């Protein structure tokens, strides 16, 4: 079902390639790949309640866990050295650099998760509206928009 340039391998290539990965694109692509893999089974049936539970769980994570982590990362970037000597200043610089890296990671993870959730909502809407063209388009993971 997956091919070159699609699914998890595409995400790995983009994340490890040159430049900054497009985490929104990666999240969308992974949701489509997961959907395509799940729905390719002949006995698979759409379960709106299960989809709602997954979406709610991810949204709760974005509003709770991500918000807490972003707050903690902000604190890391505001550390001040307790003294004006090499050890304190070196420690502080390392902590601030770590906080900035953590903020960068969280921005990417949030963009990925937001896109994943949006795609799940798109899939759910397509199924509820019985929009076969949209369902078919979502299954074409090799052609991620």
N, C-alpha and C. Protein backbone atom coordinates (compact mmCIF):
# COMPACT_ATOMS: atom_id res chain seq x y z
N UNK A 1 0.82 -1.19 0.00
CA UNK A 1 0.00 0.00 0.00
C UNK A 1 0.86 1.25 0.00
N UNK A 2 1.99 1.19 0.72
CA UNK A 2 2.87 2.35 0.70
C UNK A 2 3.89 2.17 -0.41
N UNK A 3 4.39 3.26 -0.89
CA UNK A 3 5.37 3.23 -1.95
C UNK A 3 6.47 4.21 -1.67
N UNK A 4 7.40 4.33 -2.60
CA UNK A 4 8.49 5.27 -2.40
C UNK A 4 7.96 6.69 -2.18
N UNK A 5 8.54 7.36 -1.22
CA UNK A 5 8.14 8.74 -0.96
C UNK A 5 6.85 8.88 -0.19
N UNK A 6 6.45 7.83 0.55
CA UNK A 6 5.19 7.92 1.29
C UNK A 6 5.33 7.26 2.64
N UNK A 7 4.38 7.53 3.50
CA UNK A 7 4.28 6.87 4.79
C UNK A 7 5.45 7.15 5.71
N UNK A 8 5.73 6.22 6.64
CA UNK A 8 6.78 6.44 7.63
C UNK A 8 8.15 6.69 7.03
N UNK A 9 8.49 6.03 5.93
CA UNK A 9 9.80 6.25 5.32
C UNK A 9 9.93 7.68 4.83
N UNK A 10 8.86 8.22 4.26
CA UNK A 10 8.87 9.62 3.81
C UNK A 10 9.11 10.54 4.99
N UNK A 11 8.44 10.25 6.11
CA UNK A 11 8.62 11.07 7.30
C UNK A 11 10.07 11.00 7.77
N UNK A 12 10.65 9.81 7.77
CA UNK A 12 12.04 9.64 8.19
C UNK A 12 12.98 10.38 7.25
N UNK A 13 12.78 10.26 5.95
CA UNK A 13 13.63 10.95 4.98
C UNK A 13 13.54 12.46 5.15
N UNK A 14 12.33 12.97 5.35
CA UNK A 14 12.16 14.41 5.48
C UNK A 14 12.77 14.91 6.79
N UNK A 15 12.58 14.19 7.85
CA UNK A 15 13.10 14.61 9.14
C UNK A 15 14.62 14.57 9.17
N UNK A 16 15.24 13.66 8.44
CA UNK A 16 16.70 13.51 8.48
C UNK A 16 17.40 14.14 7.29
N UNK A 17 16.65 14.69 6.37
CA UNK A 17 17.24 15.32 5.20
C UNK A 17 17.72 16.73 5.49
N UNK A 18 18.21 17.40 4.45
CA UNK A 18 18.69 18.77 4.66
C UNK A 18 17.54 19.73 4.95
N UNK A 19 17.83 20.78 5.71
CA UNK A 19 16.81 21.80 5.99
C UNK A 19 15.91 21.38 7.12
N UNK A 20 14.93 22.23 7.37
CA UNK A 20 13.96 21.99 8.43
C UNK A 20 12.79 21.20 7.88
N UNK A 21 12.41 20.11 8.52
CA UNK A 21 11.27 19.33 8.02
C UNK A 21 9.96 20.11 8.18
N UNK A 22 9.02 19.83 7.31
CA UNK A 22 7.68 20.42 7.40
C UNK A 22 6.84 19.48 8.25
N UNK A 23 6.76 19.78 9.54
CA UNK A 23 6.08 18.88 10.47
C UNK A 23 4.58 18.77 10.20
N UNK A 24 3.96 19.84 9.69
CA UNK A 24 2.54 19.77 9.34
C UNK A 24 2.36 18.75 8.21
N UNK A 25 3.23 18.81 7.22
CA UNK A 25 3.18 17.88 6.10
C UNK A 25 3.42 16.44 6.59
N UNK A 26 4.37 16.29 7.50
CA UNK A 26 4.65 14.97 8.04
C UNK A 26 3.45 14.41 8.82
N UNK A 27 2.81 15.24 9.64
CA UNK A 27 1.64 14.80 10.40
C UNK A 27 0.48 14.40 9.50
N UNK A 28 0.24 15.22 8.48
CA UNK A 28 -0.82 14.91 7.52
C UNK A 28 -0.52 13.60 6.80
N UNK A 29 0.71 13.48 6.34
CA UNK A 29 1.11 12.27 5.62
C UNK A 29 1.02 11.02 6.48
N UNK A 30 1.41 11.13 7.74
CA UNK A 30 1.35 9.96 8.61
C UNK A 30 -0.09 9.56 8.92
N UNK A 31 -0.97 10.52 9.13
CA UNK A 31 -2.38 10.20 9.37
C UNK A 31 -2.97 9.51 8.14
N UNK A 32 -2.62 10.01 6.96
CA UNK A 32 -3.12 9.37 5.73
C UNK A 32 -2.55 7.97 5.58
N UNK A 33 -1.27 7.80 5.91
CA UNK A 33 -0.65 6.47 5.82
C UNK A 33 -1.30 5.51 6.80
N UNK A 34 -1.55 5.97 8.02
CA UNK A 34 -2.20 5.13 9.02
C UNK A 34 -3.60 4.73 8.57
N UNK A 35 -4.33 5.70 8.02
CA UNK A 35 -5.67 5.45 7.52
C UNK A 35 -5.63 4.45 6.37
N UNK A 36 -4.72 4.65 5.43
CA UNK A 36 -4.62 3.76 4.27
C UNK A 36 -4.28 2.34 4.72
N UNK A 37 -3.35 2.20 5.65
CA UNK A 37 -2.97 0.88 6.14
C UNK A 37 -4.14 0.19 6.86
N UNK A 38 -4.85 0.94 7.69
CA UNK A 38 -5.97 0.36 8.44
C UNK A 38 -7.12 0.00 7.52
N UNK A 39 -7.42 0.85 6.56
CA UNK A 39 -8.60 0.63 5.72
C UNK A 39 -8.35 -0.31 4.55
N UNK A 40 -7.09 -0.72 4.36
CA UNK A 40 -6.81 -1.64 3.25
C UNK A 40 -7.24 -3.06 3.59
N UNK A 41 -7.49 -3.34 4.86
CA UNK A 41 -7.96 -4.64 5.30
C UNK A 41 -9.43 -4.80 4.89
N UNK A 42 -9.76 -5.85 4.23
CA UNK A 42 -11.10 -6.08 3.73
C UNK A 42 -12.18 -6.10 4.79
N UNK A 43 -11.84 -6.44 6.05
CA UNK A 43 -12.84 -6.51 7.11
C UNK A 43 -12.93 -5.22 7.93
N UNK A 44 -12.22 -4.19 7.50
CA UNK A 44 -12.18 -2.94 8.26
C UNK A 44 -13.48 -2.18 8.11
N UNK A 45 -13.97 -1.63 9.20
CA UNK A 45 -15.16 -0.78 9.17
C UNK A 45 -14.87 0.49 9.94
N UNK A 46 -15.40 1.59 9.43
CA UNK A 46 -15.22 2.87 10.09
C UNK A 46 -16.00 2.88 11.40
N UNK A 47 -15.36 3.34 12.47
CA UNK A 47 -15.98 3.41 13.79
C UNK A 47 -15.88 4.86 14.28
N UNK A 48 -16.97 5.61 14.13
CA UNK A 48 -16.98 7.04 14.48
C UNK A 48 -16.64 7.26 15.94
N UNK A 49 -17.13 6.41 16.83
CA UNK A 49 -16.87 6.57 18.26
C UNK A 49 -15.39 6.38 18.57
N UNK A 50 -14.79 5.37 17.97
CA UNK A 50 -13.35 5.14 18.18
C UNK A 50 -12.54 6.31 17.64
N UNK A 51 -12.94 6.82 16.48
CA UNK A 51 -12.24 7.97 15.89
C UNK A 51 -12.38 9.19 16.79
N UNK A 52 -13.57 9.41 17.33
CA UNK A 52 -13.79 10.53 18.27
C UNK A 52 -12.88 10.40 19.49
N UNK A 53 -12.73 9.17 20.00
CA UNK A 53 -11.89 8.94 21.18
C UNK A 53 -10.42 9.26 20.88
N UNK A 54 -9.94 8.87 19.71
CA UNK A 54 -8.56 9.16 19.33
C UNK A 54 -8.37 10.67 19.18
N UNK A 55 -9.29 11.32 18.48
CA UNK A 55 -9.20 12.77 18.29
C UNK A 55 -9.23 13.49 19.63
N UNK A 56 -10.14 13.11 20.52
CA UNK A 56 -10.25 13.74 21.84
C UNK A 56 -8.97 13.55 22.64
N UNK A 57 -8.43 12.36 22.60
CA UNK A 57 -7.20 12.07 23.34
C UNK A 57 -6.05 12.95 22.84
N UNK A 58 -5.92 13.09 21.54
CA UNK A 58 -4.86 13.93 20.98
C UNK A 58 -5.09 15.41 21.29
N UNK A 59 -6.34 15.84 21.21
CA UNK A 59 -6.65 17.24 21.54
C UNK A 59 -6.38 17.53 23.02
N UNK A 60 -6.71 16.58 23.89
CA UNK A 60 -6.41 16.74 25.33
C UNK A 60 -4.91 16.84 25.56
N UNK A 61 -4.16 16.04 24.83
CA UNK A 61 -2.70 16.09 24.94
C UNK A 61 -2.17 17.45 24.49
N UNK A 62 -2.71 17.97 23.40
CA UNK A 62 -2.28 19.28 22.91
C UNK A 62 -2.60 20.38 23.93
N UNK A 63 -3.77 20.31 24.53
CA UNK A 63 -4.19 21.35 25.46
C UNK A 63 -3.56 21.18 26.85
N UNK A 64 -3.25 19.96 27.23
CA UNK A 64 -2.69 19.70 28.56
C UNK A 64 -1.19 19.53 28.54
N UNK A 65 -0.75 18.37 28.06
CA UNK A 65 0.66 18.02 28.10
C UNK A 65 1.54 19.00 27.32
N UNK A 66 1.11 19.37 26.13
CA UNK A 66 1.91 20.30 25.33
C UNK A 66 1.98 21.67 26.00
N UNK A 67 0.87 22.12 26.55
CA UNK A 67 0.86 23.43 27.22
C UNK A 67 1.80 23.43 28.42
N UNK A 68 1.80 22.37 29.19
CA UNK A 68 2.69 22.26 30.35
C UNK A 68 4.15 22.24 29.88
N UNK A 69 4.43 21.44 28.88
CA UNK A 69 5.80 21.34 28.37
C UNK A 69 6.28 22.68 27.81
N UNK A 70 5.42 23.39 27.10
CA UNK A 70 5.82 24.69 26.55
C UNK A 70 6.10 25.68 27.66
N UNK A 71 5.33 25.64 28.72
CA UNK A 71 5.57 26.52 29.87
C UNK A 71 6.92 26.19 30.52
N UNK A 72 7.19 24.91 30.69
CA UNK A 72 8.46 24.51 31.29
C UNK A 72 9.65 24.89 30.41
N UNK A 73 9.50 24.76 29.11
CA UNK A 73 10.57 25.14 28.19
C UNK A 73 10.83 26.64 28.27
N UNK A 74 9.79 27.42 28.42
CA UNK A 74 9.96 28.87 28.57
C UNK A 74 10.77 29.20 29.81
N UNK A 75 10.47 28.51 30.92
CA UNK A 75 11.24 28.74 32.15
C UNK A 75 12.72 28.43 31.94
N UNK A 76 13.01 27.37 31.18
CA UNK A 76 14.40 27.00 30.93
C UNK A 76 15.16 28.10 30.19
N UNK A 77 14.46 28.85 29.35
CA UNK A 77 15.14 29.90 28.58
C UNK A 77 15.31 31.19 29.38
N UNK A 78 14.77 31.22 30.59
CA UNK A 78 14.84 32.44 31.40
C UNK A 78 15.75 32.29 32.63
N UNK A 79 16.52 31.22 32.67
CA UNK A 79 17.42 31.00 33.81
C UNK A 79 18.52 32.06 33.80
N UNK A 80 18.82 32.57 34.97
CA UNK A 80 19.90 33.56 35.16
C UNK A 80 20.98 32.92 36.04
N UNK A 81 22.25 33.23 35.77
CA UNK A 81 23.31 32.64 36.58
C UNK A 81 23.27 33.18 38.01
N UNK A 82 23.51 32.30 38.99
CA UNK A 82 23.51 32.75 40.37
C UNK A 82 24.74 33.60 40.71
N UNK A 83 25.77 33.47 39.92
CA UNK A 83 26.98 34.25 40.16
C UNK A 83 27.64 34.62 38.86
N UNK A 84 28.60 35.51 38.94
CA UNK A 84 29.30 35.97 37.73
C UNK A 84 30.64 35.25 37.61
N UNK A 85 30.57 33.90 37.55
CA UNK A 85 31.79 33.13 37.33
C UNK A 85 31.53 32.09 36.25
N UNK A 86 32.60 31.51 35.76
CA UNK A 86 32.54 30.60 34.62
C UNK A 86 31.53 29.46 34.82
N UNK A 87 31.55 28.84 35.98
CA UNK A 87 30.65 27.69 36.22
C UNK A 87 29.19 28.07 36.12
N UNK A 88 28.80 29.12 36.81
CA UNK A 88 27.40 29.55 36.80
C UNK A 88 26.97 30.00 35.40
N UNK A 89 27.82 30.77 34.77
CA UNK A 89 27.48 31.28 33.44
C UNK A 89 27.45 30.15 32.41
N UNK A 90 28.36 29.20 32.53
CA UNK A 90 28.37 28.06 31.61
C UNK A 90 27.14 27.18 31.78
N UNK A 91 26.80 26.92 33.02
CA UNK A 91 25.60 26.13 33.31
C UNK A 91 24.36 26.84 32.77
N UNK A 92 24.28 28.13 33.00
CA UNK A 92 23.12 28.90 32.55
C UNK A 92 23.01 28.87 31.04
N UNK A 93 24.12 29.06 30.35
CA UNK A 93 24.08 29.05 28.89
C UNK A 93 23.63 27.68 28.36
N UNK A 94 24.12 26.61 28.98
CA UNK A 94 23.70 25.26 28.57
C UNK A 94 22.20 25.06 28.81
N UNK A 95 21.70 25.53 29.94
CA UNK A 95 20.27 25.38 30.25
C UNK A 95 19.42 26.18 29.27
N UNK A 96 19.84 27.41 28.96
CA UNK A 96 19.08 28.25 28.03
C UNK A 96 19.09 27.63 26.64
N UNK A 97 20.24 27.13 26.21
CA UNK A 97 20.33 26.47 24.90
C UNK A 97 19.43 25.23 24.87
N UNK A 98 19.44 24.46 25.95
CA UNK A 98 18.57 23.29 26.05
C UNK A 98 17.10 23.69 25.98
N UNK A 99 16.74 24.75 26.68
CA UNK A 99 15.35 25.23 26.65
C UNK A 99 14.92 25.64 25.26
N UNK A 100 15.81 26.31 24.53
CA UNK A 100 15.48 26.72 23.16
C UNK A 100 15.32 25.51 22.24
N UNK A 101 16.19 24.53 22.42
CA UNK A 101 16.07 23.30 21.63
C UNK A 101 14.76 22.58 21.94
N UNK A 102 14.40 22.56 23.21
CA UNK A 102 13.15 21.94 23.63
C UNK A 102 11.96 22.69 23.03
N UNK A 103 12.02 24.02 23.01
CA UNK A 103 10.96 24.81 22.39
C UNK A 103 10.84 24.49 20.90
N UNK A 104 11.98 24.37 20.20
CA UNK A 104 11.96 24.01 18.78
C UNK A 104 11.32 22.65 18.57
N UNK A 105 11.72 21.69 19.41
CA UNK A 105 11.14 20.35 19.32
C UNK A 105 9.63 20.40 19.53
N UNK A 106 9.19 21.13 20.55
CA UNK A 106 7.77 21.21 20.85
C UNK A 106 6.98 21.87 19.73
N UNK A 107 7.56 22.90 19.09
CA UNK A 107 6.88 23.53 17.95
C UNK A 107 6.65 22.52 16.83
N UNK A 108 7.67 21.74 16.53
CA UNK A 108 7.54 20.71 15.50
C UNK A 108 6.54 19.63 15.88
N UNK A 109 6.64 19.17 17.13
CA UNK A 109 5.73 18.11 17.59
C UNK A 109 4.28 18.60 17.60
N UNK A 110 4.09 19.85 17.99
CA UNK A 110 2.73 20.41 18.00
C UNK A 110 2.19 20.55 16.59
N UNK A 111 3.01 21.04 15.66
CA UNK A 111 2.57 21.18 14.27
C UNK A 111 2.21 19.81 13.70
N UNK A 112 3.03 18.81 13.98
CA UNK A 112 2.79 17.44 13.51
C UNK A 112 1.46 16.92 14.07
N UNK A 113 1.28 17.07 15.38
CA UNK A 113 0.08 16.55 16.03
C UNK A 113 -1.17 17.31 15.59
N UNK A 114 -1.07 18.63 15.45
CA UNK A 114 -2.20 19.43 14.94
C UNK A 114 -2.62 18.93 13.56
N UNK A 115 -1.65 18.72 12.68
CA UNK A 115 -1.94 18.25 11.33
C UNK A 115 -2.53 16.84 11.35
N UNK A 116 -2.01 15.99 12.21
CA UNK A 116 -2.52 14.63 12.34
C UNK A 116 -3.99 14.66 12.75
N UNK A 117 -4.30 15.46 13.77
CA UNK A 117 -5.68 15.58 14.25
C UNK A 117 -6.58 16.15 13.15
N UNK A 118 -6.13 17.19 12.48
CA UNK A 118 -6.93 17.78 11.39
C UNK A 118 -7.24 16.77 10.31
N UNK A 119 -6.27 15.93 9.99
CA UNK A 119 -6.49 14.91 8.97
C UNK A 119 -7.46 13.84 9.47
N UNK A 120 -7.37 13.47 10.74
CA UNK A 120 -8.34 12.52 11.29
C UNK A 120 -9.76 13.10 11.22
N UNK A 121 -9.89 14.37 11.51
CA UNK A 121 -11.20 15.02 11.43
C UNK A 121 -11.70 15.02 9.98
N UNK A 122 -10.79 15.27 9.05
CA UNK A 122 -11.14 15.24 7.62
C UNK A 122 -11.61 13.84 7.21
N UNK A 123 -10.93 12.81 7.69
CA UNK A 123 -11.31 11.43 7.39
C UNK A 123 -12.69 11.13 7.98
N UNK A 124 -12.87 11.51 9.23
CA UNK A 124 -14.15 11.27 9.90
C UNK A 124 -15.29 11.97 9.16
N UNK A 125 -15.08 13.22 8.79
CA UNK A 125 -16.10 13.99 8.06
C UNK A 125 -16.42 13.33 6.72
N UNK A 126 -15.38 12.88 6.02
CA UNK A 126 -15.60 12.22 4.73
C UNK A 126 -16.46 10.97 4.90
N UNK A 127 -16.17 10.18 5.94
CA UNK A 127 -16.97 8.97 6.17
C UNK A 127 -18.39 9.30 6.58
N UNK A 128 -18.55 10.29 7.44
CA UNK A 128 -19.90 10.64 7.89
C UNK A 128 -20.74 11.19 6.74
N UNK A 129 -20.09 11.89 5.81
CA UNK A 129 -20.81 12.45 4.66
C UNK A 129 -20.86 11.47 3.49
N UNK A 130 -20.27 10.29 3.69
CA UNK A 130 -20.20 9.29 2.63
C UNK A 130 -19.61 9.88 1.34
N UNK A 131 -18.56 10.67 1.49
CA UNK A 131 -17.89 11.33 0.36
C UNK A 131 -16.79 10.40 -0.16
N UNK A 132 -17.16 9.54 -1.10
CA UNK A 132 -16.23 8.53 -1.60
C UNK A 132 -15.00 9.15 -2.27
N UNK A 133 -15.17 10.25 -2.96
CA UNK A 133 -14.03 10.90 -3.61
C UNK A 133 -13.01 11.36 -2.55
N UNK A 134 -13.50 11.92 -1.45
CA UNK A 134 -12.60 12.36 -0.38
C UNK A 134 -11.92 11.16 0.28
N UNK A 135 -12.67 10.10 0.49
CA UNK A 135 -12.11 8.89 1.08
C UNK A 135 -11.01 8.33 0.19
N UNK A 136 -11.26 8.25 -1.11
CA UNK A 136 -10.25 7.76 -2.05
C UNK A 136 -9.02 8.66 -2.07
N UNK A 137 -9.23 9.97 -2.01
CA UNK A 137 -8.11 10.91 -2.02
C UNK A 137 -7.27 10.73 -0.76
N UNK A 138 -7.90 10.49 0.37
CA UNK A 138 -7.17 10.29 1.61
C UNK A 138 -6.36 9.00 1.61
N UNK A 139 -6.80 8.02 0.84
CA UNK A 139 -6.08 6.75 0.77
C UNK A 139 -4.85 6.84 -0.12
N UNK A 140 -4.76 7.85 -0.94
CA UNK A 140 -3.63 7.98 -1.86
C UNK A 140 -2.47 8.64 -1.16
N UNK A 141 -1.80 7.87 -0.31
CA UNK A 141 -0.75 8.45 0.52
C UNK A 141 0.50 8.81 -0.27
N UNK A 142 0.65 8.28 -1.44
CA UNK A 142 1.81 8.64 -2.26
C UNK A 142 1.69 10.02 -2.83
N UNK A 143 0.50 10.60 -2.78
CA UNK A 143 0.24 11.92 -3.33
C UNK A 143 -0.29 12.85 -2.25
N UNK A 144 0.51 13.05 -1.23
CA UNK A 144 0.11 13.92 -0.13
C UNK A 144 0.11 15.35 -0.62
N UNK A 145 -0.96 16.08 -0.32
CA UNK A 145 -1.07 17.47 -0.76
C UNK A 145 -0.03 18.33 -0.09
